[in-house]
Amino acid sequence: MSFEEEQHLSVSDWLDEKEVEGVDVSQIELPKNMAFDEDPDETIYFKEIRPCSFLCTENHPFSKVERFGHWYYCTGQDKKAGIHSTKMKWRLFTKDKKHALHVAQAHIIE
């Protein structure tokens, strides 16, 4: 698949293509242009730990699950990283909604 063809695919279609190619897409990083060009179909889960002011511009632990077609994109910063940390960022692509929610909640609750 050429670069031009990849640019016209949706996130869901691109992940399907990579899966057919035998790529483990669970930890894949989206191409930069694709990551910013398509909004998710829905946000299923979002939780942030922000004990400081809502005006604080520092990093805070969070977990988020977004749906792109039949794929779920989980991302966040682990609670164990602490407030204002830039470490322990994570991501996961899966087709299993239950698994996506479980992973996202585990990262923010523990």
Protein backbone atom coordinates (compact mmCIF):
# COMPACT_ATOMS: atom_id res chain seq x y z
CA MET A 1 0.00 0.00 0.00
CA SER A 2 1.41 3.37 -0.99
CA PHE A 3 1.69 6.40 1.30
CA GLU A 4 -1.02 8.16 -0.72
CA GLU A 5 -3.40 5.22 -0.28
CA GLU A 6 -2.75 5.15 3.48
CA GLN A 7 -3.64 8.84 3.76
CA HIS A 8 -7.18 8.20 2.48
CA LEU A 9 -8.00 5.30 4.80
CA SER A 10 -9.97 5.68 8.01
CA VAL A 11 -8.28 4.63 11.25
CA SER A 12 -10.44 1.50 11.35
CA ASP A 13 -9.65 0.54 7.73
CA TRP A 14 -5.92 1.22 8.25
CA LEU A 15 -5.86 -1.02 11.34
CA ASP A 16 -7.71 -3.74 9.42
CA GLU A 17 -5.12 -3.53 6.61
CA LYS A 18 -2.23 -3.77 9.07
CA GLU A 19 -3.86 -6.75 10.79
CA VAL A 20 -4.23 -8.53 7.41
CA GLU A 21 -0.52 -7.86 6.80
CA GLY A 22 0.22 -9.77 10.04
CA VAL A 23 1.18 -6.72 12.11
CA ASP A 24 0.40 -6.77 15.84
CA VAL A 25 -1.72 -3.63 15.94
CA SER A 26 -2.33 -3.66 19.70
CA GLN A 27 0.58 -1.26 20.32
CA ILE A 28 0.87 0.33 16.87
CA GLU A 29 1.36 4.06 16.55
CA LEU A 30 -0.90 5.81 14.07
CA PRO A 31 0.73 7.85 11.32
CA LYS A 32 0.83 11.50 12.47
CA ASN A 33 -1.47 12.72 9.68
CA MET A 34 -4.05 10.05 10.51
CA ALA A 35 -3.91 10.63 14.26
CA PHE A 36 -5.02 14.24 13.86
CA ASP A 37 -7.25 14.06 10.77
CA GLU A 38 -10.02 11.82 12.07
CA ASP A 39 -12.20 12.37 15.10
CA PRO A 40 -13.33 9.26 16.97
CA ASP A 41 -16.88 8.01 16.41
CA GLU A 42 -17.40 8.28 20.16
CA THR A 43 -15.57 8.59 23.46
CA ILE A 44 -16.66 5.68 25.61
CA TYR A 45 -14.66 6.35 28.76
CA PHE A 46 -12.65 9.23 30.19
CA LYS A 47 -11.32 9.74 33.68
CA GLU A 48 -8.65 12.16 34.86
CA ILE A 49 -7.09 12.65 38.27
CA ARG A 50 -6.66 16.38 38.78
CA PRO A 51 -6.46 17.31 42.45
CA CYS A 52 -5.05 20.73 41.63
CA SER A 53 -6.97 23.59 40.03
CA PHE A 54 -8.85 22.99 36.78
CA LEU A 55 -6.68 25.81 35.41
CA CYS A 56 -3.50 23.76 35.94
CA THR A 57 -1.70 23.18 32.64
CA GLU A 58 0.56 20.38 33.89
CA ASN A 59 0.14 16.66 33.08
CA HIS A 60 -2.34 14.59 35.06
CA PRO A 61 -3.01 10.85 35.09
CA PHE A 62 -5.89 9.93 32.76
CA SER A 63 -7.48 7.04 30.92
CA LYS A 64 -9.53 7.30 27.75
CA VAL A 65 -11.28 4.86 25.40
CA GLU A 66 -12.38 6.07 21.98
CA ARG A 67 -14.10 4.09 19.24
CA PHE A 68 -12.97 4.29 15.62
CA GLY A 69 -15.32 2.07 13.62
CA HIS A 70 -15.05 -1.39 15.20
CA TRP A 71 -11.71 -0.61 16.92
CA TYR A 72 -11.25 0.79 20.42
CA TYR A 73 -8.28 3.05 21.13
CA CYS A 74 -7.25 3.14 24.77
CA THR A 75 -4.70 5.69 25.88
CA GLY A 76 -3.57 7.42 28.99
CA GLN A 77 -1.01 8.13 31.62
CA ASP A 78 -0.88 5.64 34.47
CA LYS A 79 -2.00 6.82 37.90
CA LYS A 80 1.21 5.40 39.37
CA ALA A 81 3.19 8.04 37.43
CA GLY A 82 1.87 10.69 39.81
CA ILE A 83 0.56 14.19 39.33
CA HIS A 84 2.42 16.39 36.80
CA SER A 85 4.57 13.50 35.54
CA THR A 86 5.36 12.87 31.87
CA LYS A 87 6.13 9.18 32.42
CA MET A 88 4.15 5.93 32.18
CA LYS A 89 2.10 6.78 29.09
CA TRP A 90 0.35 3.80 27.51
CA ARG A 91 -1.88 2.87 24.55
CA LEU A 92 -3.78 -0.11 23.22
CA PHE A 93 -5.88 -0.89 20.13
CA THR A 94 -8.43 -3.69 20.44
CA LYS A 95 -11.72 -4.80 18.91
CA ASP A 96 -12.97 -5.93 22.33
CA LYS A 97 -14.94 -3.18 24.09
CA LYS A 98 -14.98 -4.97 27.46
CA HIS A 99 -11.24 -5.44 27.36
CA ALA A 100 -10.70 -1.80 26.38
CA LEU A 101 -12.74 -0.56 29.33
CA HIS A 102 -11.06 -2.98 31.74
CA VAL A 103 -7.57 -1.86 30.69
CA ALA A 104 -8.44 1.84 30.87
CA GLN A 105 -10.01 1.53 34.30
CA ALA A 106 -7.13 -0.57 35.65
CA HIS A 107 -4.58 2.10 34.70
CA ILE A 108 -6.45 4.91 36.46
CA ILE A 109 -7.81 3.09 39.52
CA GLU A 110 -4.71 1.20 40.71
